[in-house]
């Protein structure tokens, strides 16, 4: 893929805020979708625990939103390993990141 679409691959990994997909969503669209989905879940399950299982880009955008990370920095550390754990606690509608891409359970 990198040989066939070098500019797109570069933008995806290095300037995600400028990446434009020809066959799917750009990062802004994914961001808007996951934040809207999170708001719907919070309204529907107020006061309950919610488990979200997703791929790295959507998860980093979601957790990053509550950690104050901009889309252009979505791929900055911490690295989002498969099966990593992130925890966001909500109090009065305000989300606070308690764990971000934790892999201590791998030991």
PDB file of N, CA and C in Angstrom:
ATOM      1  N   UNK A   1       0.831  -1.185   0.000  1.00  0.00           N
ATOM      2  CA  UNK A   1       0.000   0.000   0.000  1.00  0.00           C
ATOM      3  C   UNK A   1       0.878   1.252   0.000  1.00  0.00           C
ATOM      4  N   UNK A   2       1.961   1.204   0.777  1.00  0.00           N
ATOM      5  CA  UNK A   2       2.840   2.369   0.866  1.00  0.00           C
ATOM      6  C   UNK A   2       3.470   2.714  -0.477  1.00  0.00           C
ATOM      7  N   UNK A   3       3.825   1.691  -1.272  1.00  0.00           N
ATOM      8  CA  UNK A   3       4.398   1.948  -2.597  1.00  0.00           C
ATOM      9  C   UNK A   3       3.373   2.533  -3.549  1.00  0.00           C
ATOM     10  N   UNK A   4       2.142   2.086  -3.443  1.00  0.00           N
ATOM     11  CA  UNK A   4       1.086   2.532  -4.347  1.00  0.00           C
ATOM     12  C   UNK A   4       0.524   3.904  -3.958  1.00  0.00           C
ATOM     13  N   UNK A   5       0.463   4.192  -2.659  1.00  0.00           N
ATOM     14  CA  UNK A   5      -0.130   5.442  -2.170  1.00  0.00           C
ATOM     15  C   UNK A   5       0.784   6.112  -1.135  1.00  0.00           C
ATOM     16  N   UNK A   6       2.005   6.486  -1.521  1.00  0.00           N
ATOM     17  CA  UNK A   6       2.955   7.011  -0.532  1.00  0.00           C
ATOM     18  C   UNK A   6       2.482   8.284   0.171  1.00  0.00           C
ATOM     19  N   UNK A   7       1.863   9.198  -0.558  1.00  0.00           N
ATOM     20  CA  UNK A   7       1.397  10.449   0.053  1.00  0.00           C
ATOM     21  C   UNK A   7       0.283  10.195   1.060  1.00  0.00           C
ATOM     22  N   UNK A   8      -0.666   9.325   0.707  1.00  0.00           N
ATOM     23  CA  UNK A   8      -1.774   9.019   1.602  1.00  0.00           C
ATOM     24  C   UNK A   8      -1.289   8.344   2.882  1.00  0.00           C
ATOM     25  N   UNK A   9      -0.351   7.402   2.732  1.00  0.00           N
ATOM     26  CA  UNK A   9       0.201   6.709   3.902  1.00  0.00           C
ATOM     27  C   UNK A   9       0.947   7.700   4.795  1.00  0.00           C
ATOM     28  N   UNK A  10       1.719   8.583   4.172  1.00  0.00           N
ATOM     29  CA  UNK A  10       2.435   9.597   4.954  1.00  0.00           C
ATOM     30  C   UNK A  10       1.455  10.458   5.754  1.00  0.00           C
ATOM     31  N   UNK A  11       0.415  10.952   5.084  1.00  0.00           N
ATOM     32  CA  UNK A  11      -0.563  11.792   5.774  1.00  0.00           C
ATOM     33  C   UNK A  11      -1.271  11.031   6.888  1.00  0.00           C
ATOM     34  N   UNK A  12      -1.650   9.783   6.633  1.00  0.00           N
ATOM     35  CA  UNK A  12      -2.352   8.982   7.637  1.00  0.00           C
ATOM     36  C   UNK A  12      -1.551   8.906   8.928  1.00  0.00           C
ATOM     37  N   UNK A  13      -0.242   8.618   8.819  1.00  0.00           N
ATOM     38  CA  UNK A  13       0.578   8.396  10.008  1.00  0.00           C
ATOM     39  C   UNK A  13       1.237   9.657  10.554  1.00  0.00           C
ATOM     40  N   UNK A  14       1.451  10.671   9.714  1.00  0.00           N
ATOM     41  CA  UNK A  14       2.215  11.838  10.148  1.00  0.00           C
ATOM     42  C   UNK A  14       1.420  13.136  10.232  1.00  0.00           C
ATOM     43  N   UNK A  15       0.371  13.251   9.450  1.00  0.00           N
ATOM     44  CA  UNK A  15      -0.474  14.443   9.457  1.00  0.00           C
ATOM     45  C   UNK A  15      -1.935  14.018   9.326  1.00  0.00           C
ATOM     46  N   UNK A  16      -2.433  13.258  10.308  1.00  0.00           N
ATOM     47  CA  UNK A  16      -3.770  12.673  10.183  1.00  0.00           C
ATOM     48  C   UNK A  16      -4.880  13.697   9.986  1.00  0.00           C
ATOM     49  N   UNK A  17      -4.690  14.908  10.475  1.00  0.00           N
ATOM     50  CA  UNK A  17      -5.699  15.955  10.297  1.00  0.00           C
ATOM     51  C   UNK A  17      -5.828  16.400   8.838  1.00  0.00           C
ATOM     52  N   UNK A  18      -4.835  16.071   7.996  1.00  0.00           N
ATOM     53  CA  UNK A  18      -4.872  16.414   6.572  1.00  0.00           C
ATOM     54  C   UNK A  18      -5.238  15.225   5.689  1.00  0.00           C
ATOM     55  N   UNK A  19      -5.283  14.033   6.263  1.00  0.00           N
ATOM     56  CA  UNK A  19      -5.578  12.812   5.501  1.00  0.00           C
ATOM     57  C   UNK A  19      -7.011  12.833   4.985  1.00  0.00           C
ATOM     58  N   UNK A  20      -7.169  12.516   3.694  1.00  0.00           N
ATOM     59  CA  UNK A  20      -8.493  12.402   3.071  1.00  0.00           C
ATOM     60  C   UNK A  20      -8.597  11.025   2.431  1.00  0.00           C
ATOM     61  N   UNK A  21      -9.477  10.205   2.932  1.00  0.00           N
ATOM     62  CA  UNK A  21      -9.672   8.865   2.390  1.00  0.00           C
ATOM     63  C   UNK A  21     -10.498   8.933   1.114  1.00  0.00           C
ATOM     64  N   UNK A  22     -10.140   8.090   0.155  1.00  0.00           N
ATOM     65  CA  UNK A  22     -10.935   8.008  -1.077  1.00  0.00           C
ATOM     66  C   UNK A  22     -12.017   6.942  -0.958  1.00  0.00           C
ATOM     67  N   UNK A  23     -11.935   6.115   0.074  1.00  0.00           N
ATOM     68  CA  UNK A  23     -12.907   5.022   0.194  1.00  0.00           C
ATOM     69  C   UNK A  23     -13.470   4.857   1.607  1.00  0.00           C
ATOM     70  N   UNK A  24     -13.218   5.807   2.471  1.00  0.00           N
ATOM     71  CA  UNK A  24     -13.708   5.699   3.843  1.00  0.00           C
ATOM     72  C   UNK A  24     -13.702   7.050   4.517  1.00  0.00           C
ATOM     73  N   UNK A  25     -13.675   7.035   5.845  1.00  0.00           N
ATOM     74  CA  UNK A  25     -13.746   8.269   6.617  1.00  0.00           C
ATOM     75  C   UNK A  25     -12.374   8.896   6.822  1.00  0.00           C
ATOM     76  N   UNK A  26     -12.350  10.215   6.924  1.00  0.00           N
ATOM     77  CA  UNK A  26     -11.135  10.874   7.370  1.00  0.00           C
ATOM     78  C   UNK A  26     -11.176  10.934   8.902  1.00  0.00           C
ATOM     79  N   UNK A  27     -10.110  11.398   9.508  1.00  0.00           N
ATOM     80  CA  UNK A  27     -10.029  11.394  10.971  1.00  0.00           C
ATOM     81  C   UNK A  27     -11.080  12.295  11.611  1.00  0.00           C
ATOM     82  N   UNK A  28     -11.381  13.421  10.980  1.00  0.00           N
ATOM     83  CA  UNK A  28     -12.402  14.327  11.520  1.00  0.00           C
ATOM     84  C   UNK A  28     -13.762  13.641  11.569  1.00  0.00           C
ATOM     85  N   UNK A  29     -14.105  12.892  10.522  1.00  0.00           N
ATOM     86  CA  UNK A  29     -15.394  12.186  10.487  1.00  0.00           C
ATOM     87  C   UNK A  29     -15.454  11.100  11.558  1.00  0.00           C
ATOM     88  N   UNK A  30     -14.364  10.363  11.736  1.00  0.00           N
ATOM     89  CA  UNK A  30     -14.324   9.332  12.781  1.00  0.00           C
ATOM     90  C   UNK A  30     -14.453   9.996  14.151  1.00  0.00           C
ATOM     91  N   UNK A  31     -13.730  11.077  14.350  1.00  0.00           N
ATOM     92  CA  UNK A  31     -13.789  11.816  15.616  1.00  0.00           C
ATOM     93  C   UNK A  31     -15.222  12.233  15.936  1.00  0.00           C
ATOM     94  N   UNK A  32     -15.875  12.858  14.975  1.00  0.00           N
ATOM     95  CA  UNK A  32     -17.251  13.312  15.196  1.00  0.00           C
ATOM     96  C   UNK A  32     -18.179  12.138  15.505  1.00  0.00           C
ATOM     97  N   UNK A  33     -17.991  11.025  14.789  1.00  0.00           N
ATOM     98  CA  UNK A  33     -18.840   9.847  14.995  1.00  0.00           C
ATOM     99  C   UNK A  33     -18.651   9.245  16.389  1.00  0.00           C
ATOM    100  N   UNK A  34     -17.398   9.101  16.826  1.00  0.00           N
ATOM    101  CA  UNK A  34     -17.175   8.466  18.132  1.00  0.00           C
ATOM    102  C   UNK A  34     -17.592   9.377  19.285  1.00  0.00           C
ATOM    103  N   UNK A  35     -17.416  10.673  19.144  1.00  0.00           N
ATOM    104  CA  UNK A  35     -17.839  11.589  20.209  1.00  0.00           C
ATOM    105  C   UNK A  35     -19.362  11.616  20.293  1.00  0.00           C
ATOM    106  N   UNK A  36     -20.030  11.664  19.151  1.00  0.00           N
ATOM    107  CA  UNK A  36     -21.496  11.623  19.143  1.00  0.00           C
ATOM    108  C   UNK A  36     -22.001  10.307  19.736  1.00  0.00           C
ATOM    109  N   UNK A  37     -21.365   9.202  19.358  1.00  0.00           N
ATOM    110  CA  UNK A  37     -21.743   7.898  19.906  1.00  0.00           C
ATOM    111  C   UNK A  37     -21.528   7.823  21.405  1.00  0.00           C
ATOM    112  N   UNK A  38     -20.440   8.406  21.882  1.00  0.00           N
ATOM    113  CA  UNK A  38     -20.167   8.421  23.320  1.00  0.00           C
ATOM    114  C   UNK A  38     -21.242   9.206  24.052  1.00  0.00           C
ATOM    115  N   UNK A  39     -21.639  10.336  23.518  1.00  0.00           N
ATOM    116  CA  UNK A  39     -22.691  11.140  24.148  1.00  0.00           C
ATOM    117  C   UNK A  39     -24.007  10.369  24.223  1.00  0.00           C
ATOM    118  N   UNK A  40     -24.343   9.650  23.154  1.00  0.00           N
ATOM    119  CA  UNK A  40     -25.564   8.839  23.154  1.00  0.00           C
ATOM    120  C   UNK A  40     -25.495   7.738  24.210  1.00  0.00           C
ATOM    121  N   UNK A  41     -24.343   7.077  24.309  1.00  0.00           N
ATOM    122  CA  UNK A  41     -24.170   6.028  25.320  1.00  0.00           C
ATOM    123  C   UNK A  41     -24.279   6.591  26.733  1.00  0.00           C
ATOM    124  N   UNK A  42     -23.679   7.748  26.953  1.00  0.00           N
ATOM    125  CA  UNK A  42     -23.733   8.363  28.284  1.00  0.00           C
ATOM    126  C   UNK A  42     -25.162   8.725  28.672  1.00  0.00           C
ATOM    127  N   UNK A  43     -25.933   9.217  27.719  1.00  0.00           N
ATOM    128  CA  UNK A  43     -27.333   9.555  28.000  1.00  0.00           C
ATOM    129  C   UNK A  43     -28.156   8.301  28.286  1.00  0.00           C
ATOM    130  N   UNK A  44     -27.949   7.269  27.483  1.00  0.00           N
ATOM    131  CA  UNK A  44     -28.741   6.044  27.608  1.00  0.00           C
ATOM    132  C   UNK A  44     -28.384   5.244  28.855  1.00  0.00           C
ATOM    133  N   UNK A  45     -27.121   5.289  29.255  1.00  0.00           N
ATOM    134  CA  UNK A  45     -26.639   4.453  30.362  1.00  0.00           C
ATOM    135  C   UNK A  45     -26.094   5.302  31.511  1.00  0.00           C
ATOM    136  N   UNK A  46     -26.764   6.395  31.793  1.00  0.00           N
ATOM    137  CA  UNK A  46     -26.320   7.312  32.846  1.00  0.00           C
ATOM    138  C   UNK A  46     -26.115   6.561  34.166  1.00  0.00           C
ATOM    139  N   UNK A  47     -24.940   6.768  34.767  1.00  0.00           N
ATOM    140  CA  UNK A  47     -24.628   6.146  36.044  1.00  0.00           C
ATOM    141  C   UNK A  47     -24.168   4.704  35.950  1.00  0.00           C
ATOM    142  N   UNK A  48     -24.101   4.163  34.745  1.00  0.00           N
ATOM    143  CA  UNK A  48     -23.682   2.769  34.563  1.00  0.00           C
ATOM    144  C   UNK A  48     -22.266   2.713  33.993  1.00  0.00           C
ATOM    145  N   UNK A  49     -21.651   1.539  34.116  1.00  0.00           N
ATOM    146  CA  UNK A  49     -20.377   1.296  33.454  1.00  0.00           C
ATOM    147  C   UNK A  49     -20.645   0.969  31.995  1.00  0.00           C
ATOM    148  N   UNK A  50     -19.781   1.452  31.122  1.00  0.00           N
ATOM    149  CA  UNK A  50     -19.907   1.209  29.686  1.00  0.00           C
ATOM    150  C   UNK A  50     -18.578   0.652  29.193  1.00  0.00           C
ATOM    151  N   UNK A  51     -18.622  -0.435  28.442  1.00  0.00           N
ATOM    152  CA  UNK A  51     -17.432  -1.010  27.826  1.00  0.00           C
ATOM    153  C   UNK A  51     -17.510  -0.755  26.332  1.00  0.00           C
ATOM    154  N   UNK A  52     -16.460  -0.168  25.780  1.00  0.00           N
ATOM    155  CA  UNK A  52     -16.378   0.069  24.340  1.00  0.00           C
ATOM    156  C   UNK A  52     -15.169  -0.689  23.822  1.00  0.00           C
ATOM    157  N   UNK A  53     -15.380  -1.505  22.812  1.00  0.00           N
ATOM    158  CA  UNK A  53     -14.298  -2.233  22.157  1.00  0.00           C
ATOM    159  C   UNK A  53     -14.232  -1.718  20.730  1.00  0.00           C
ATOM    160  N   UNK A  54     -13.063  -1.233  20.319  1.00  0.00           N
ATOM    161  CA  UNK A  54     -12.948  -0.624  18.999  1.00  0.00           C
ATOM    162  C   UNK A  54     -11.521  -0.745  18.490  1.00  0.00           C
ATOM    163  N   UNK A  55     -11.298  -0.230  17.286  1.00  0.00           N
ATOM    164  CA  UNK A  55      -9.950  -0.246  16.720  1.00  0.00           C
ATOM    165  C   UNK A  55      -9.161   0.969  17.214  1.00  0.00           C
ATOM    166  N   UNK A  56      -7.866   0.957  16.981  1.00  0.00           N
ATOM    167  CA  UNK A  56      -6.967   1.947  17.584  1.00  0.00           C
ATOM    168  C   UNK A  56      -7.305   3.383  17.215  1.00  0.00           C
ATOM    169  N   UNK A  57      -7.588   3.662  15.956  1.00  0.00           N
ATOM    170  CA  UNK A  57      -7.835   5.053  15.556  1.00  0.00           C
ATOM    171  C   UNK A  57      -9.043   5.621  16.291  1.00  0.00           C
ATOM    172  N   UNK A  58     -10.144   4.895  16.294  1.00  0.00           N
ATOM    173  CA  UNK A  58     -11.354   5.380  16.972  1.00  0.00           C
ATOM    174  C   UNK A  58     -11.119   5.508  18.472  1.00  0.00           C
ATOM    175  N   UNK A  59     -10.442   4.543  19.061  1.00  0.00           N
ATOM    176  CA  UNK A  59     -10.187   4.576  20.500  1.00  0.00           C
ATOM    177  C   UNK A  59      -9.265   5.733  20.866  1.00  0.00           C
ATOM    178  N   UNK A  60      -8.195   5.924  20.088  1.00  0.00           N
ATOM    179  CA  UNK A  60      -7.280   7.033  20.384  1.00  0.00           C
ATOM    180  C   UNK A  60      -7.969   8.378  20.222  1.00  0.00           C
ATOM    181  N   UNK A  61      -8.844   8.497  19.221  1.00  0.00           N
ATOM    182  CA  UNK A  61      -9.586   9.746  19.051  1.00  0.00           C
ATOM    183  C   UNK A  61     -10.545   9.979  20.211  1.00  0.00           C
ATOM    184  N   UNK A  62     -11.216   8.928  20.652  1.00  0.00           N
ATOM    185  CA  UNK A  62     -12.167   9.051  21.756  1.00  0.00           C
ATOM    186  C   UNK A  62     -11.459   9.403  23.061  1.00  0.00           C
ATOM    187  N   UNK A  63     -10.485   8.606  23.448  1.00  0.00           N
ATOM    188  CA  UNK A  63      -9.773   8.861  24.706  1.00  0.00           C
ATOM    189  C   UNK A  63      -8.998  10.172  24.600  1.00  0.00           C
ATOM    190  N   UNK A  64      -8.408  10.409  23.431  1.00  0.00           N
ATOM    191  CA  UNK A  64      -7.673  11.652  23.215  1.00  0.00           C
ATOM    192  C   UNK A  64      -8.536  12.888  23.390  1.00  0.00           C
ATOM    193  N   UNK A  65      -9.791  12.794  22.996  1.00  0.00           N
ATOM    194  CA  UNK A  65     -10.716  13.914  23.176  1.00  0.00           C
ATOM    195  C   UNK A  65     -10.779  14.322  24.644  1.00  0.00           C
ATOM    196  N   UNK A  66     -10.908  13.345  25.519  1.00  0.00           N
ATOM    197  CA  UNK A  66     -11.025  13.628  26.949  1.00  0.00           C
ATOM    198  C   UNK A  66      -9.673  13.909  27.606  1.00  0.00           C
ATOM    199  N   UNK A  67      -8.582  13.598  26.895  1.00  0.00           N
ATOM    200  CA  UNK A  67      -7.242  13.911  27.393  1.00  0.00           C
ATOM    201  C   UNK A  67      -6.725  15.224  26.805  1.00  0.00           C
ATOM    202  N   UNK A  68      -7.529  15.864  25.945  1.00  0.00           N
ATOM    203  CA  UNK A  68      -7.128  17.135  25.349  1.00  0.00           C
ATOM    204  C   UNK A  68      -6.147  17.003  24.201  1.00  0.00           C
ATOM    205  N   UNK A  69      -6.140  15.855  23.529  1.00  0.00           N
ATOM    206  CA  UNK A  69      -5.218  15.617  22.416  1.00  0.00           C
ATOM    207  C   UNK A  69      -5.919  15.956  21.104  1.00  0.00           C
ATOM    208  N   UNK A  70      -5.290  16.791  20.298  1.00  0.00           N
ATOM    209  CA  UNK A  70      -5.839  17.196  19.004  1.00  0.00           C
ATOM    210  C   UNK A  70      -5.678  16.071  17.978  1.00  0.00           C
ATOM    211  N   UNK A  71      -6.504  16.107  16.938  1.00  0.00           N
ATOM    212  CA  UNK A  71      -6.459  15.074  15.896  1.00  0.00           C
ATOM    213  C   UNK A  71      -5.065  14.954  15.289  1.00  0.00           C
ATOM    214  N   UNK A  72      -4.376  16.068  15.065  1.00  0.00           N
ATOM    215  CA  UNK A  72      -3.049  15.989  14.437  1.00  0.00           C
ATOM    216  C   UNK A  72      -2.034  15.254  15.301  1.00  0.00           C
ATOM    217  N   UNK A  73      -2.331  15.061  16.576  1.00  0.00           N
ATOM    218  CA  UNK A  73      -1.426  14.350  17.484  1.00  0.00           C
ATOM    219  C   UNK A  73      -1.945  12.973  17.886  1.00  0.00           C
ATOM    220  N   UNK A  74      -2.927  12.462  17.155  1.00  0.00           N
ATOM    221  CA  UNK A  74      -3.571  11.198  17.533  1.00  0.00           C
ATOM    222  C   UNK A  74      -2.581  10.036  17.630  1.00  0.00           C
ATOM    223  N   UNK A  75      -1.552  10.026  16.810  1.00  0.00           N
ATOM    224  CA  UNK A  75      -0.611   8.903  16.826  1.00  0.00           C
ATOM    225  C   UNK A  75       0.554   9.101  17.794  1.00  0.00           C
ATOM    226  N   UNK A  76       0.584  10.215  18.518  1.00  0.00           N
ATOM    227  CA  UNK A  76       1.630  10.405  19.527  1.00  0.00           C
ATOM    228  C   UNK A  76       1.462   9.358  20.630  1.00  0.00           C
ATOM    229  N   UNK A  77       2.510   9.170  21.421  1.00  0.00           N
ATOM    230  CA  UNK A  77       2.441   8.238  22.547  1.00  0.00           C
ATOM    231  C   UNK A  77       1.323   8.632  23.494  1.00  0.00           C
ATOM    232  N   UNK A  78       0.730   7.695  24.180  1.00  0.00           N
ATOM    233  CA  UNK A  78       1.103   6.283  24.236  1.00  0.00           C
ATOM    234  C   UNK A  78       0.609   5.511  23.019  1.00  0.00           C
ATOM    235  N   UNK A  79       1.382   4.488  22.667  1.00  0.00           N
ATOM    236  CA  UNK A  79       1.000   3.596  21.580  1.00  0.00           C
ATOM    237  C   UNK A  79      -0.211   2.782  22.028  1.00  0.00           C
ATOM    238  N   UNK A  80      -1.170   2.619  21.146  1.00  0.00           N
ATOM    239  CA  UNK A  80      -2.403   1.885  21.463  1.00  0.00           C
ATOM    240  C   UNK A  80      -2.235   0.434  21.005  1.00  0.00           C
ATOM    241  N   UNK A  81      -1.760  -0.420  21.913  1.00  0.00           N
ATOM    242  CA  UNK A  81      -1.616  -1.843  21.611  1.00  0.00           C
ATOM    243  C   UNK A  81      -2.988  -2.497  21.501  1.00  0.00           C
ATOM    244  N   UNK A  82      -3.058  -3.574  20.737  1.00  0.00           N
ATOM    245  CA  UNK A  82      -4.284  -4.369  20.721  1.00  0.00           C
ATOM    246  C   UNK A  82      -4.556  -4.866  22.135  1.00  0.00           C
ATOM    247  N   UNK A  83      -5.800  -4.831  22.545  1.00  0.00           N
ATOM    248  CA  UNK A  83      -6.253  -5.289  23.864  1.00  0.00           C
ATOM    249  C   UNK A  83      -5.755  -4.410  25.010  1.00  0.00           C
ATOM    250  N   UNK A  84      -5.294  -3.201  24.704  1.00  0.00           N
ATOM    251  CA  UNK A  84      -4.926  -2.284  25.783  1.00  0.00           C
ATOM    252  C   UNK A  84      -6.191  -1.745  26.442  1.00  0.00           C
ATOM    253  N   UNK A  85      -6.028  -1.179  27.613  1.00  0.00           N
ATOM    254  CA  UNK A  85      -7.166  -0.718  28.402  1.00  0.00           C
ATOM    255  C   UNK A  85      -7.060   0.782  28.650  1.00  0.00           C
ATOM    256  N   UNK A  86      -8.130   1.476  28.338  1.00  0.00           N
ATOM    257  CA  UNK A  86      -8.240   2.901  28.656  1.00  0.00           C
ATOM    258  C   UNK A  86      -9.507   3.089  29.478  1.00  0.00           C
ATOM    259  N   UNK A  87      -9.432   3.937  30.478  1.00  0.00           N
ATOM    260  CA  UNK A  87     -10.585   4.183  31.344  1.00  0.00           C
ATOM    261  C   UNK A  87     -10.847   5.684  31.401  1.00  0.00           C
ATOM    262  N   UNK A  88     -12.098   6.040  31.150  1.00  0.00           N
ATOM    263  CA  UNK A  88     -12.552   7.421  31.287  1.00  0.00           C
ATOM    264  C   UNK A  88     -13.654   7.416  32.336  1.00  0.00           C
ATOM    265  N   UNK A  89     -13.494   8.216  33.361  1.00  0.00           N
ATOM    266  CA  UNK A  89     -14.534   8.343  34.381  1.00  0.00           C
ATOM    267  C   UNK A  89     -15.282   9.648  34.149  1.00  0.00           C
ATOM    268  N   UNK A  90     -16.609   9.580  34.273  1.00  0.00           N
ATOM    269  CA  UNK A  90     -17.455  10.752  34.057  1.00  0.00           C
ATOM    270  C   UNK A  90     -18.110  11.162  35.361  1.00  0.00           C
ATOM    271  N   UNK A  91     -18.018  12.441  35.635  1.00  0.00           N
ATOM    272  CA  UNK A  91     -18.682  13.013  36.799  1.00  0.00           C
ATOM    273  C   UNK A  91     -19.367  14.293  36.347  1.00  0.00           C
ATOM    274  N   UNK A  92     -20.683  14.311  36.485  1.00  0.00           N
ATOM    275  CA  UNK A  92     -21.494  15.442  36.051  1.00  0.00           C
ATOM    276  C   UNK A  92     -21.234  15.788  34.583  1.00  0.00           C
ATOM    277  N   UNK A  93     -21.100  14.756  33.760  1.00  0.00           N
ATOM    278  CA  UNK A  93     -20.926  14.939  32.325  1.00  0.00           C
ATOM    279  C   UNK A  93     -19.520  15.271  31.868  1.00  0.00           C
ATOM    280  N   UNK A  94     -18.594  15.394  32.804  1.00  0.00           N
ATOM    281  CA  UNK A  94     -17.205  15.717  32.469  1.00  0.00           C
ATOM    282  C   UNK A  94     -16.379  14.437  32.507  1.00  0.00           C
ATOM    283  N   UNK A  95     -15.704  14.128  31.382  1.00  0.00           N
ATOM    284  CA  UNK A  95     -14.880  12.932  31.307  1.00  0.00           C
ATOM    285  C   UNK A  95     -13.445  13.210  31.701  1.00  0.00           C
ATOM    286  N   UNK A  96     -12.885  12.318  32.517  1.00  0.00           N
ATOM    287  CA  UNK A  96     -11.488  12.427  32.939  1.00  0.00           C
ATOM    288  C   UNK A  96     -10.804  11.096  32.663  1.00  0.00           C
ATOM    289  N   UNK A  97      -9.686  11.137  31.940  1.00  0.00           N
ATOM    290  CA  UNK A  97      -8.954   9.921  31.590  1.00  0.00           C
ATOM    291  C   UNK A  97      -8.199   9.420  32.818  1.00  0.00           C
ATOM    292  N   UNK A  98      -8.492   8.180  33.214  1.00  0.00           N
ATOM    293  CA  UNK A  98      -7.825   7.555  34.359  1.00  0.00           C
ATOM    294  C   UNK A  98      -6.710   6.614  33.914  1.00  0.00           C
ATOM    295  N   UNK A  99      -6.903   5.957  32.775  1.00  0.00           N
ATOM    296  CA  UNK A  99      -5.872   5.102  32.175  1.00  0.00           C
ATOM    297  C   UNK A  99      -5.931   5.308  30.674  1.00  0.00           C
ATOM    298  N   UNK A 100      -4.755   5.312  30.031  1.00  0.00           N
ATOM    299  CA  UNK A 100      -4.689   5.521  28.589  1.00  0.00           C
ATOM    300  C   UNK A 100      -3.753   4.468  27.995  1.00  0.00           C
ATOM    301  N   UNK A 101      -4.331   3.528  27.258  1.00  0.00           N
ATOM    302  CA  UNK A 101      -3.575   2.492  26.543  1.00  0.00           C
ATOM    303  C   UNK A 101      -2.734   1.630  27.484  1.00  0.00           C
ATOM    304  N   UNK A 102      -3.254   1.321  28.641  1.00  0.00           N
ATOM    305  CA  UNK A 102      -2.542   0.526  29.640  1.00  0.00           C
ATOM    306  C   UNK A 102      -2.427  -0.929  29.183  1.00  0.00           C
ATOM    307  N   UNK A 103      -1.251  -1.506  29.347  1.00  0.00           N
ATOM    308  CA  UNK A 103      -1.034  -2.916  28.990  1.00  0.00           C
ATOM    309  C   UNK A 103      -0.448  -3.709  30.161  1.00  0.00           C
ATOM    310  N   UNK A 104      -0.616  -3.216  31.373  1.00  0.00           N
ATOM    311  CA  UNK A 104      -0.050  -3.911  32.533  1.00  0.00           C
ATOM    312  C   UNK A 104      -0.644  -5.306  32.698  1.00  0.00           C
ATOM    313  N   UNK A 105      -1.836  -5.535  32.176  1.00  0.00           N
ATOM    314  CA  UNK A 105      -2.457  -6.861  32.274  1.00  0.00           C
ATOM    315  C   UNK A 105      -1.800  -7.874  31.332  1.00  0.00           C
ATOM    316  N   UNK A 106      -0.881  -7.442  30.485  1.00  0.00           N
ATOM    317  CA  UNK A 106      -0.157  -8.354  29.595  1.00  0.00           C
ATOM    318  C   UNK A 106       0.857  -9.198  30.365  1.00  0.00           C
ATOM    319  N   UNK A 107       1.304  -8.721  31.559  1.00  0.00           N
ATOM    320  CA  UNK A 107       2.344  -9.419  32.327  1.00  0.00           C
ATOM    321  C   UNK A 107       1.824 -10.728  32.850  1.00  0.00           C
TER     322      UNK A 107
END
